[in-house]
């Protein structure tokens, strides 16, 4: 069963969603420690993935990634549309993708990729 948010959390979530609807490309929710930011993020991710839209979450610590992943599971977020990774993991993957694209481009142009 999804999270039941408190009134102040619903208000923050509504404001964030309205900001996105108004054309903002990214948002930042600032709230005190223990105020349920992960629960709010989880609810936003659940609503987003339920419409088959993608959600990407990055954090700098594995502990945060695990906390977010557990929260998403509890809140029934569709992981087919959600990516949760450390910043380091995503940076490494981006570097690998760039290297592959560079090699493919070089091969396409007939150059030695080394």
Foldseek 3Di string as FASTA:
>chain_A
DADDADPVLVVQLVVLVVVVVVPDPDDDDDDDPPNCPLSSVLVVQQVQVVVVAAEEAEDADVVVLVVSVVNNVVRVRDVVRYHGYYPVVVVVVVVVVVLVVQCVVCVVVVHDSD
